[in-house]
Amino acid sequence: MKKLAIAVTLTASMFTLAACNNDDSDTVVESNAGDVTKDEFYEELKNRYGEAVLRDLVTTKVLSDKYEVSDDEVNEEVEMFKEQLGDQFEMWLQQQGFGNEDQFRDVMRISLLQEEARADGVEVTDEEIQNKYDQRKTEISAQHILVEDEETANEVLDKLDEGSEFSGLAAEYSTDESNAEDGGDLGFFGYGEMVPEFQDAAYNLGEGEISEPVQTQHGFHIIKVNEKRETEEEIASLDEMKEDLRREIITEKVDNQQVQQKINDLIEEADIDVKIEELENIFDTQDAVAY
């Protein structure tokens, strides 16, 4: 839901602007202090949100011309949200700025179109999906040594190659104060509990193996896997999870900058001519917001 929530405010504004523009009445508010006309309302919305909304609308048009998202696919995504939120679904819609479920469905369609752009040209094999599924079923017991730079990490590796004990080096070098004195012991952890770079490295090691330096937001890690075991937590079958796993792998393979470049290229190919004078140059530099 995180990805969807990021775009909610902008998209709600988009629907407001579109609704205003399609209103047949010249007056949208009447009061003793004076009326607000449709043109006044439209101009104010255009000045506040015009560039962002126009980018959103044009991008949706361009993606819809290139990719196809069926009503069944949209319905499946919406039903997933309903199942997760239960009785809170309607309240959640209001909190996110949606006037009704149809507006949410429109945003869901945009989100799925963006996913199609992300997946375009990316190959995911059955072996990759099986490996990702096996990771979900596995817990790992590991130790690590966290240092600030790669040079120090390589120094630690050299000492391990020379026969030094992992636990002793963790106490000497590791900056992770929560476990350095315990030999860098992390105990058992499951899939999704570690940052992605650490997780990928750990799950690709066999029992007793030690990693090369692994860089994360925290620094450089040397990881030692001590044991792997099947998790006690029940998970869905491979068939049930296959599509979610495929999406996850694609997300790992393609970063947001690559996706945005795909969209920018499609926009450029669409030969866009903006008729609103104040916004006529917004697609010239292709500095669109990344999706």
C-alpha atoms as a PDB file:
ATOM      1  CA  MET A   1       0.000   0.000   0.000  1.00  0.00           C
ATOM      2  CA  LYS A   2       2.933   2.314   0.489  1.00  0.00           C
ATOM      3  CA  LYS A   3       3.450   2.946  -3.218  1.00  0.00           C
ATOM      4  CA  LEU A   4      -0.202   3.807  -3.684  1.00  0.00           C
ATOM      5  CA  ALA A   5      -0.360   6.186  -0.718  1.00  0.00           C
ATOM      6  CA  ILE A   6       2.488   8.304  -2.101  1.00  0.00           C
ATOM      7  CA  ALA A   7       0.434   9.326  -5.133  1.00  0.00           C
ATOM      8  CA  VAL A   8      -2.924   9.686  -3.434  1.00  0.00           C
ATOM      9  CA  THR A   9      -2.882  13.427  -2.703  1.00  0.00           C
ATOM     10  CA  LEU A  10      -1.839  14.352  -6.219  1.00  0.00           C
ATOM     11  CA  THR A  11      -4.340  12.020  -7.818  1.00  0.00           C
ATOM     12  CA  ALA A  12      -7.192  13.279  -5.662  1.00  0.00           C
ATOM     13  CA  SER A  13      -6.323  16.795  -6.855  1.00  0.00           C
ATOM     14  CA  MET A  14      -6.369  15.542 -10.414  1.00  0.00           C
ATOM     15  CA  PHE A  15      -9.923  14.264 -10.033  1.00  0.00           C
ATOM     16  CA  THR A  16     -10.998  17.525  -8.426  1.00  0.00           C
ATOM     17  CA  LEU A  17      -9.590  19.496 -11.342  1.00  0.00           C
ATOM     18  CA  ALA A  18     -11.183  17.219 -13.897  1.00  0.00           C
ATOM     19  CA  ALA A  19     -14.552  17.382 -12.157  1.00  0.00           C
ATOM     20  CA  CYS A  20     -14.389  21.155 -12.092  1.00  0.00           C
ATOM     21  CA  ASN A  21     -13.532  21.358 -15.754  1.00  0.00           C
ATOM     22  CA  ASN A  22     -16.468  19.124 -16.709  1.00  0.00           C
ATOM     23  CA  ASP A  23     -19.059  20.954 -14.611  1.00  0.00           C
ATOM     24  CA  ASP A  24     -21.781  22.591 -16.753  1.00  0.00           C
ATOM     25  CA  SER A  25     -22.496  25.285 -14.154  1.00  0.00           C
ATOM     26  CA  ASP A  26     -20.650  28.613 -14.250  1.00  0.00           C
ATOM     27  CA  THR A  27     -21.001  28.935 -10.456  1.00  0.00           C
ATOM     28  CA  VAL A  28     -19.605  26.300  -8.169  1.00  0.00           C
ATOM     29  CA  VAL A  29     -20.140  28.128  -4.847  1.00  0.00           C
ATOM     30  CA  GLU A  30     -22.801  30.653  -3.867  1.00  0.00           C
ATOM     31  CA  SER A  31     -22.578  32.746  -0.686  1.00  0.00           C
ATOM     32  CA  ASN A  32     -23.652  36.078   0.793  1.00  0.00           C
ATOM     33  CA  ALA A  33     -20.015  37.184   0.477  1.00  0.00           C
ATOM     34  CA  GLY A  34     -19.898  36.412  -3.224  1.00  0.00           C
ATOM     35  CA  ASP A  35     -19.922  33.514  -5.673  1.00  0.00           C
ATOM     36  CA  VAL A  36     -17.047  31.365  -6.894  1.00  0.00           C
ATOM     37  CA  THR A  37     -17.205  30.611 -10.594  1.00  0.00           C
ATOM     38  CA  LYS A  38     -16.034  27.522 -12.374  1.00  0.00           C
ATOM     39  CA  ASP A  39     -13.335  29.554 -14.122  1.00  0.00           C
ATOM     40  CA  GLU A  40     -12.028  30.955 -10.828  1.00  0.00           C
ATOM     41  CA  PHE A  41     -11.948  27.514  -9.309  1.00  0.00           C
ATOM     42  CA  TYR A  42     -10.232  26.019 -12.346  1.00  0.00           C
ATOM     43  CA  GLU A  43      -7.594  28.783 -12.479  1.00  0.00           C
ATOM     44  CA  GLU A  44      -6.783  28.379  -8.788  1.00  0.00           C
ATOM     45  CA  LEU A  45      -6.418  24.608  -9.110  1.00  0.00           C
ATOM     46  CA  LYS A  46      -4.343  25.030 -12.254  1.00  0.00           C
ATOM     47  CA  ASN A  47      -1.996  27.478 -10.538  1.00  0.00           C
ATOM     48  CA  ARG A  48      -1.560  25.274  -7.476  1.00  0.00           C
ATOM     49  CA  TYR A  49      -1.467  21.795  -8.999  1.00  0.00           C
ATOM     50  CA  GLY A  50      -1.523  22.319 -12.761  1.00  0.00           C
ATOM     51  CA  GLU A  51       1.957  21.094 -13.675  1.00  0.00           C
ATOM     52  CA  ALA A  52       1.829  17.983 -11.523  1.00  0.00           C
ATOM     53  CA  VAL A  53      -1.726  17.097 -12.563  1.00  0.00           C
ATOM     54  CA  LEU A  54      -1.013  17.598 -16.259  1.00  0.00           C
ATOM     55  CA  ARG A  55       2.053  15.381 -16.038  1.00  0.00           C
ATOM     56  CA  ASP A  56      -0.085  12.735 -14.324  1.00  0.00           C
ATOM     57  CA  LEU A  57      -2.837  12.916 -16.946  1.00  0.00           C
ATOM     58  CA  VAL A  58      -0.466  12.844 -19.916  1.00  0.00           C
ATOM     59  CA  THR A  59       1.589  10.014 -18.443  1.00  0.00           C
ATOM     60  CA  THR A  60      -1.579   7.983 -17.959  1.00  0.00           C
ATOM     61  CA  LYS A  61      -2.597   8.582 -21.580  1.00  0.00           C
ATOM     62  CA  VAL A  62       0.846   7.581 -22.833  1.00  0.00           C
ATOM     63  CA  LEU A  63       1.023   4.429 -20.713  1.00  0.00           C
ATOM     64  CA  SER A  64      -2.525   3.421 -21.666  1.00  0.00           C
ATOM     65  CA  ASP A  65      -1.561   3.697 -25.332  1.00  0.00           C
ATOM     66  CA  LYS A  66       1.474   1.444 -24.816  1.00  0.00           C
ATOM     67  CA  TYR A  67       0.221  -1.067 -22.238  1.00  0.00           C
ATOM     68  CA  GLU A  68      -3.073  -2.733 -21.410  1.00  0.00           C
ATOM     69  CA  VAL A  69      -4.592  -3.270 -17.970  1.00  0.00           C
ATOM     70  CA  SER A  70      -7.881  -5.169 -17.854  1.00  0.00           C
ATOM     71  CA  ASP A  71     -10.849  -4.476 -15.613  1.00  0.00           C
ATOM     72  CA  ASP A  72     -10.321  -7.907 -14.063  1.00  0.00           C
ATOM     73  CA  GLU A  73      -6.780  -6.961 -13.045  1.00  0.00           C
ATOM     74  CA  VAL A  74      -8.016  -3.729 -11.465  1.00  0.00           C
ATOM     75  CA  ASN A  75     -10.814  -5.577  -9.664  1.00  0.00           C
ATOM     76  CA  GLU A  76      -8.342  -8.120  -8.290  1.00  0.00           C
ATOM     77  CA  GLU A  77      -6.157  -5.376  -6.821  1.00  0.00           C
ATOM     78  CA  VAL A  78      -9.119  -3.520  -5.317  1.00  0.00           C
ATOM     79  CA  GLU A  79     -10.473  -6.718  -3.778  1.00  0.00           C
ATOM     80  CA  MET A  80      -7.077  -7.341  -2.210  1.00  0.00           C
ATOM     81  CA  PHE A  81      -7.251  -3.956  -0.482  1.00  0.00           C
ATOM     82  CA  LYS A  82     -10.812  -4.675   0.647  1.00  0.00           C
ATOM     83  CA  GLU A  83      -9.749  -8.014   2.094  1.00  0.00           C
ATOM     84  CA  GLN A  84      -6.805  -6.466   3.951  1.00  0.00           C
ATOM     85  CA  LEU A  85      -8.753  -3.486   5.298  1.00  0.00           C
ATOM     86  CA  GLY A  86     -12.078  -5.178   5.932  1.00  0.00           C
ATOM     87  CA  ASP A  87     -14.658  -2.851   7.492  1.00  0.00           C
ATOM     88  CA  GLN A  88     -12.085  -0.028   7.466  1.00  0.00           C
ATOM     89  CA  PHE A  89     -11.980   0.156   3.651  1.00  0.00           C
ATOM     90  CA  GLU A  90     -14.487   3.014   3.242  1.00  0.00           C
ATOM     91  CA  MET A  91     -12.872   5.027   6.014  1.00  0.00           C
ATOM     92  CA  TRP A  92      -9.454   4.419   4.449  1.00  0.00           C
ATOM     93  CA  LEU A  93     -10.718   5.720   1.090  1.00  0.00           C
ATOM     94  CA  GLN A  94     -11.855   8.959   2.748  1.00  0.00           C
ATOM     95  CA  GLN A  95      -8.585   9.329   4.661  1.00  0.00           C
ATOM     96  CA  GLN A  96      -6.622   8.978   1.413  1.00  0.00           C
ATOM     97  CA  GLY A  97      -8.693  11.671  -0.294  1.00  0.00           C
ATOM     98  CA  PHE A  98     -10.900   9.535  -2.559  1.00  0.00           C
ATOM     99  CA  GLY A  99     -14.468  10.660  -3.118  1.00  0.00           C
ATOM    100  CA  ASN A 100     -15.581   7.155  -3.990  1.00  0.00           C
ATOM    101  CA  GLU A 101     -14.396   3.705  -4.963  1.00  0.00           C
ATOM    102  CA  ASP A 102     -14.388   4.528  -8.685  1.00  0.00           C
ATOM    103  CA  GLN A 103     -11.673   7.141  -8.125  1.00  0.00           C
ATOM    104  CA  PHE A 104      -9.632   4.560  -6.256  1.00  0.00           C
ATOM    105  CA  ARG A 105     -10.061   2.137  -9.155  1.00  0.00           C
ATOM    106  CA  ASP A 106      -8.737   4.780 -11.556  1.00  0.00           C
ATOM    107  CA  VAL A 107      -5.637   5.245  -9.401  1.00  0.00           C
ATOM    108  CA  MET A 108      -5.196   1.484  -9.185  1.00  0.00           C
ATOM    109  CA  ARG A 109      -5.274   1.305 -12.991  1.00  0.00           C
ATOM    110  CA  ILE A 110      -2.527   3.963 -13.166  1.00  0.00           C
ATOM    111  CA  SER A 111      -0.458   2.006 -10.650  1.00  0.00           C
ATOM    112  CA  LEU A 112      -0.817  -1.185 -12.699  1.00  0.00           C
ATOM    113  CA  LEU A 113       0.136   0.660 -15.898  1.00  0.00           C
ATOM    114  CA  GLN A 114       3.312   1.830 -14.160  1.00  0.00           C
ATOM    115  CA  GLU A 115       4.018  -1.768 -13.158  1.00  0.00           C
ATOM    116  CA  GLU A 116       3.633  -2.817 -16.792  1.00  0.00           C
ATOM    117  CA  ALA A 117       6.226  -0.205 -17.755  1.00  0.00           C
ATOM    118  CA  ARG A 118       8.536  -1.511 -15.041  1.00  0.00           C
ATOM    119  CA  ALA A 119       8.154  -5.123 -16.183  1.00  0.00           C
ATOM    120  CA  ASP A 120       8.555  -4.395 -19.905  1.00  0.00           C
ATOM    121  CA  GLY A 121      11.603  -6.256 -21.194  1.00  0.00           C
ATOM    122  CA  VAL A 122      12.461  -7.795 -17.809  1.00  0.00           C
ATOM    123  CA  GLU A 123      12.759 -11.577 -17.772  1.00  0.00           C
ATOM    124  CA  VAL A 124      11.910 -13.554 -14.649  1.00  0.00           C
ATOM    125  CA  THR A 125      12.638 -17.279 -14.735  1.00  0.00           C
ATOM    126  CA  ASP A 126      10.823 -20.072 -12.914  1.00  0.00           C
ATOM    127  CA  GLU A 127      14.090 -20.809 -11.128  1.00  0.00           C
ATOM    128  CA  GLU A 128      14.234 -17.260  -9.758  1.00  0.00           C
ATOM    129  CA  ILE A 129      10.648 -17.524  -8.546  1.00  0.00           C
ATOM    130  CA  GLN A 130      11.316 -20.902  -6.915  1.00  0.00           C
ATOM    131  CA  ASN A 131      14.438 -19.530  -5.213  1.00  0.00           C
ATOM    132  CA  LYS A 132      12.514 -16.519  -3.885  1.00  0.00           C
ATOM    133  CA  TYR A 133       9.766 -18.830  -2.602  1.00  0.00           C
ATOM    134  CA  ASP A 134      12.301 -21.083  -0.878  1.00  0.00           C
ATOM    135  CA  GLN A 135      13.738 -18.016   0.851  1.00  0.00           C
ATOM    136  CA  ARG A 136      10.300 -17.189   2.223  1.00  0.00           C
ATOM    137  CA  LYS A 137      10.221 -20.653   3.830  1.00  0.00           C
ATOM    138  CA  THR A 138      13.694 -20.380   5.380  1.00  0.00           C
ATOM    139  CA  GLU A 139      15.100 -18.858   8.562  1.00  0.00           C
ATOM    140  CA  ILE A 140      18.803 -18.133   8.970  1.00  0.00           C
ATOM    141  CA  SER A 141      21.098 -18.018  11.985  1.00  0.00           C
ATOM    142  CA  ALA A 142      24.025 -15.723  11.252  1.00  0.00           C
ATOM    143  CA  GLN A 143      26.779 -13.510  12.618  1.00  0.00           C
ATOM    144  CA  HIS A 144      28.083 -10.309  11.107  1.00  0.00           C
ATOM    145  CA  ILE A 145      30.884  -7.812  11.444  1.00  0.00           C
ATOM    146  CA  LEU A 146      29.859  -4.251  10.563  1.00  0.00           C
ATOM    147  CA  VAL A 147      32.518  -1.688   9.642  1.00  0.00           C
ATOM    148  CA  GLU A 148      32.445   1.801   8.154  1.00  0.00           C
ATOM    149  CA  ASP A 149      34.384   1.285   4.914  1.00  0.00           C
ATOM    150  CA  GLU A 150      35.317  -1.364   2.377  1.00  0.00           C
ATOM    151  CA  GLU A 151      39.028  -1.134   3.169  1.00  0.00           C
ATOM    152  CA  THR A 152      38.393  -2.176   6.764  1.00  0.00           C
ATOM    153  CA  ALA A 153      36.036  -4.916   5.587  1.00  0.00           C
ATOM    154  CA  ASN A 154      38.759  -6.356   3.362  1.00  0.00           C
ATOM    155  CA  GLU A 155      41.191  -6.175   6.284  1.00  0.00           C
ATOM    156  CA  VAL A 156      38.777  -8.273   8.323  1.00  0.00           C
ATOM    157  CA  LEU A 157      38.469 -10.787   5.460  1.00  0.00           C
ATOM    158  CA  ASP A 158      42.233 -11.106   5.235  1.00  0.00           C
ATOM    159  CA  LYS A 159      42.424 -11.918   8.939  1.00  0.00           C
ATOM    160  CA  LEU A 160      39.672 -14.523   8.551  1.00  0.00           C
ATOM    161  CA  ASP A 161      41.623 -16.092   5.682  1.00  0.00           C
ATOM    162  CA  GLU A 162      44.674 -16.198   7.943  1.00  0.00           C
ATOM    163  CA  GLY A 163      42.710 -18.187  10.528  1.00  0.00           C
ATOM    164  CA  SER A 164      41.388 -15.592  12.959  1.00  0.00           C
ATOM    165  CA  GLU A 165      38.116 -16.429  14.710  1.00  0.00           C
ATOM    166  CA  PHE A 166      34.994 -14.650  13.456  1.00  0.00           C
ATOM    167  CA  SER A 167      33.695 -13.937  16.972  1.00  0.00           C
ATOM    168  CA  GLY A 168      36.952 -12.386  18.070  1.00  0.00           C
ATOM    169  CA  LEU A 169      37.124 -10.113  15.021  1.00  0.00           C
ATOM    170  CA  ALA A 170      33.507  -9.060  15.615  1.00  0.00           C
ATOM    171  CA  ALA A 171      34.403  -7.955  19.131  1.00  0.00           C
ATOM    172  CA  GLU A 172      37.474  -6.118  17.810  1.00  0.00           C
ATOM    173  CA  TYR A 173      36.099  -4.472  14.672  1.00  0.00           C
ATOM    174  CA  SER A 174      32.287  -4.414  14.567  1.00  0.00           C
ATOM    175  CA  THR A 175      30.528  -1.098  15.058  1.00  0.00           C
ATOM    176  CA  ASP A 176      27.230  -2.856  15.802  1.00  0.00           C
ATOM    177  CA  GLU A 177      27.196  -2.325  19.542  1.00  0.00           C
ATOM    178  CA  SER A 178      24.100  -4.498  19.984  1.00  0.00           C
ATOM    179  CA  ASN A 179      25.988  -7.724  19.243  1.00  0.00           C
ATOM    180  CA  ALA A 180      29.720  -7.056  18.745  1.00  0.00           C
ATOM    181  CA  GLU A 181      30.629  -8.494  22.155  1.00  0.00           C
ATOM    182  CA  ASP A 182      28.517 -11.566  21.346  1.00  0.00           C
ATOM    183  CA  GLY A 183      30.579 -12.317  18.253  1.00  0.00           C
ATOM    184  CA  GLY A 184      28.201 -10.440  15.989  1.00  0.00           C
ATOM    185  CA  ASP A 185      25.455 -12.988  16.679  1.00  0.00           C
ATOM    186  CA  LEU A 186      22.152 -12.038  15.035  1.00  0.00           C
ATOM    187  CA  GLY A 187      20.231 -15.128  16.088  1.00  0.00           C
ATOM    188  CA  PHE A 188      17.629 -16.457  13.665  1.00  0.00           C
ATOM    189  CA  PHE A 189      15.893 -14.091  11.249  1.00  0.00           C
ATOM    190  CA  GLY A 190      13.354 -14.661   8.520  1.00  0.00           C
ATOM    191  CA  TYR A 191      12.686 -13.250   5.093  1.00  0.00           C
ATOM    192  CA  GLY A 192      11.976  -9.509   5.115  1.00  0.00           C
ATOM    193  CA  GLU A 193      13.587  -8.840   8.505  1.00  0.00           C
ATOM    194  CA  MET A 194      16.878  -7.502   7.116  1.00  0.00           C
ATOM    195  CA  VAL A 195      17.621  -4.771   4.585  1.00  0.00           C
ATOM    196  CA  PRO A 196      17.511  -6.187   1.013  1.00  0.00           C
ATOM    197  CA  GLU A 197      21.275  -6.201   0.334  1.00  0.00           C
ATOM    198  CA  PHE A 198      22.023  -8.032   3.585  1.00  0.00           C
ATOM    199  CA  GLN A 199      19.128 -10.424   3.072  1.00  0.00           C
ATOM    200  CA  ASP A 200      20.140 -11.361  -0.479  1.00  0.00           C
ATOM    201  CA  ALA A 201      23.729 -12.028   0.545  1.00  0.00           C
ATOM    202  CA  ALA A 202      22.745 -14.126   3.557  1.00  0.00           C
ATOM    203  CA  TYR A 203      20.235 -16.266   1.693  1.00  0.00           C
ATOM    204  CA  ASN A 204      22.748 -16.947  -1.076  1.00  0.00           C
ATOM    205  CA  LEU A 205      25.309 -18.339   1.382  1.00  0.00           C
ATOM    206  CA  GLY A 206      25.474 -21.944   2.501  1.00  0.00           C
ATOM    207  CA  GLU A 207      25.867 -23.027   6.098  1.00  0.00           C
ATOM    208  CA  GLY A 208      29.344 -22.168   7.361  1.00  0.00           C
ATOM    209  CA  GLU A 209      30.096 -19.799   4.463  1.00  0.00           C
ATOM    210  CA  ILE A 210      31.337 -16.215   4.845  1.00  0.00           C
ATOM    211  CA  SER A 211      30.404 -13.393   2.479  1.00  0.00           C
ATOM    212  CA  GLU A 212      32.469 -10.847   0.656  1.00  0.00           C
ATOM    213  CA  PRO A 213      31.898  -7.262   1.925  1.00  0.00           C
ATOM    214  CA  VAL A 214      28.200  -6.366   1.608  1.00  0.00           C
ATOM    215  CA  GLN A 215      27.341  -2.670   1.493  1.00  0.00           C
ATOM    216  CA  THR A 216      24.093  -1.437   3.024  1.00  0.00           C
ATOM    217  CA  GLN A 217      22.858   1.867   4.406  1.00  0.00           C
ATOM    218  CA  HIS A 218      24.583   0.954   7.679  1.00  0.00           C
ATOM    219  CA  GLY A 219      28.072   0.337   6.284  1.00  0.00           C
ATOM    220  CA  PHE A 220      29.945  -2.770   5.122  1.00  0.00           C
ATOM    221  CA  HIS A 221      29.076  -6.201   6.514  1.00  0.00           C
ATOM    222  CA  ILE A 222      30.961  -9.469   6.626  1.00  0.00           C
ATOM    223  CA  ILE A 223      28.283 -12.149   7.086  1.00  0.00           C
ATOM    224  CA  LYS A 224      28.712 -15.704   8.326  1.00  0.00           C
ATOM    225  CA  VAL A 225      25.747 -18.098   8.013  1.00  0.00           C
ATOM    226  CA  ASN A 226      25.709 -20.724  10.729  1.00  0.00           C
ATOM    227  CA  GLU A 227      22.428 -22.552  10.145  1.00  0.00           C
ATOM    228  CA  LYS A 228      19.403 -22.609   7.869  1.00  0.00           C
ATOM    229  CA  ARG A 229      16.077 -24.140   8.832  1.00  0.00           C
ATOM    230  CA  GLU A 230      12.508 -24.202   7.593  1.00  0.00           C
ATOM    231  CA  THR A 231      10.342 -21.558   9.196  1.00  0.00           C
ATOM    232  CA  GLU A 232       7.498 -22.678  11.410  1.00  0.00           C
ATOM    233  CA  GLU A 233       5.241 -19.992   9.983  1.00  0.00           C
ATOM    234  CA  GLU A 234       2.823 -21.285   7.378  1.00  0.00           C
ATOM    235  CA  ILE A 235       2.940 -19.561   4.003  1.00  0.00           C
ATOM    236  CA  ALA A 236       0.802 -19.848   0.894  1.00  0.00           C
ATOM    237  CA  SER A 237       1.617 -22.275  -1.893  1.00  0.00           C
ATOM    238  CA  LEU A 238       3.978 -21.413  -4.740  1.00  0.00           C
ATOM    239  CA  ASP A 239       1.077 -21.183  -7.184  1.00  0.00           C
ATOM    240  CA  GLU A 240      -0.729 -18.723  -4.917  1.00  0.00           C
ATOM    241  CA  MET A 241       2.352 -16.563  -4.460  1.00  0.00           C
ATOM    242  CA  LYS A 242       3.853 -16.810  -7.930  1.00  0.00           C
ATOM    243  CA  GLU A 243       2.598 -13.462  -9.258  1.00  0.00           C
ATOM    244  CA  ASP A 244       3.586 -11.565  -6.106  1.00  0.00           C
ATOM    245  CA  LEU A 245       7.049 -13.147  -6.237  1.00  0.00           C
ATOM    246  CA  ARG A 246       7.405 -12.215  -9.903  1.00  0.00           C
ATOM    247  CA  ARG A 247       6.549  -8.597  -9.078  1.00  0.00           C
ATOM    248  CA  GLU A 248       9.027  -8.572  -6.225  1.00  0.00           C
ATOM    249  CA  ILE A 249      11.836  -9.862  -8.431  1.00  0.00           C
ATOM    250  CA  ILE A 250      11.076  -7.280 -11.135  1.00  0.00           C
ATOM    251  CA  THR A 251      11.168  -4.509  -8.519  1.00  0.00           C
ATOM    252  CA  GLU A 252      14.595  -5.725  -7.414  1.00  0.00           C
ATOM    253  CA  LYS A 253      15.891  -5.840 -10.978  1.00  0.00           C
ATOM    254  CA  VAL A 254      14.650  -2.422 -12.138  1.00  0.00           C
ATOM    255  CA  ASP A 255      15.139   0.783 -10.170  1.00  0.00           C
ATOM    256  CA  ASN A 256      12.899   3.861 -10.308  1.00  0.00           C
ATOM    257  CA  GLN A 257      15.318   5.822 -12.494  1.00  0.00           C
ATOM    258  CA  GLN A 258      15.139   3.141 -15.186  1.00  0.00           C
ATOM    259  CA  VAL A 259      11.351   3.128 -15.033  1.00  0.00           C
ATOM    260  CA  GLN A 260      11.207   6.904 -15.281  1.00  0.00           C
ATOM    261  CA  GLN A 261      13.520   6.856 -18.288  1.00  0.00           C
ATOM    262  CA  LYS A 262      11.155   4.402 -20.001  1.00  0.00           C
ATOM    263  CA  ILE A 263       8.238   6.736 -19.331  1.00  0.00           C
ATOM    264  CA  ASN A 264      10.208   9.801 -20.451  1.00  0.00           C
ATOM    265  CA  ASP A 265      11.079   8.068 -23.725  1.00  0.00           C
ATOM    266  CA  LEU A 266       7.409   7.212 -24.328  1.00  0.00           C
ATOM    267  CA  ILE A 267       6.382  10.804 -23.607  1.00  0.00           C
ATOM    268  CA  GLU A 268       8.991  12.089 -26.039  1.00  0.00           C
ATOM    269  CA  GLU A 269       7.779   9.691 -28.731  1.00  0.00           C
ATOM    270  CA  ALA A 270       4.187  10.904 -28.191  1.00  0.00           C
ATOM    271  CA  ASP A 271       5.042  14.346 -29.660  1.00  0.00           C
ATOM    272  CA  ILE A 272       3.103  16.264 -26.975  1.00  0.00           C
ATOM    273  CA  ASP A 273       1.864  19.797 -27.657  1.00  0.00           C
ATOM    274  CA  VAL A 274       0.549  21.517 -24.502  1.00  0.00           C
ATOM    275  CA  LYS A 275      -2.073  24.177 -25.316  1.00  0.00           C
ATOM    276  CA  ILE A 276      -2.067  25.853 -21.889  1.00  0.00           C
ATOM    277  CA  GLU A 277       0.357  28.763 -22.198  1.00  0.00           C
ATOM    278  CA  GLU A 278       1.589  28.705 -18.594  1.00  0.00           C
ATOM    279  CA  LEU A 279       2.366  24.969 -18.840  1.00  0.00           C
ATOM    280  CA  GLU A 280       3.448  24.641 -22.457  1.00  0.00           C
ATOM    281  CA  ASN A 281       7.092  23.834 -21.659  1.00  0.00           C
ATOM    282  CA  ILE A 282       6.702  21.329 -18.818  1.00  0.00           C
ATOM    283  CA  PHE A 283       7.655  18.341 -20.986  1.00  0.00           C
ATOM    284  CA  ASP A 284      10.632  20.009 -22.657  1.00  0.00           C
ATOM    285  CA  THR A 285      13.179  18.995 -20.020  1.00  0.00           C
ATOM    286  CA  GLN A 286      11.633  15.616 -19.112  1.00  0.00           C
ATOM    287  CA  ASP A 287      12.163  16.321 -15.414  1.00  0.00           C
ATOM    288  CA  ALA A 288       9.098  14.271 -14.534  1.00  0.00           C
ATOM    289  CA  VAL A 289       8.554  12.896 -11.055  1.00  0.00           C
ATOM    290  CA  ALA A 290       9.759   9.302 -10.750  1.00  0.00           C
ATOM    291  CA  TYR A 291       7.109   6.637 -10.285  1.00  0.00           C
END
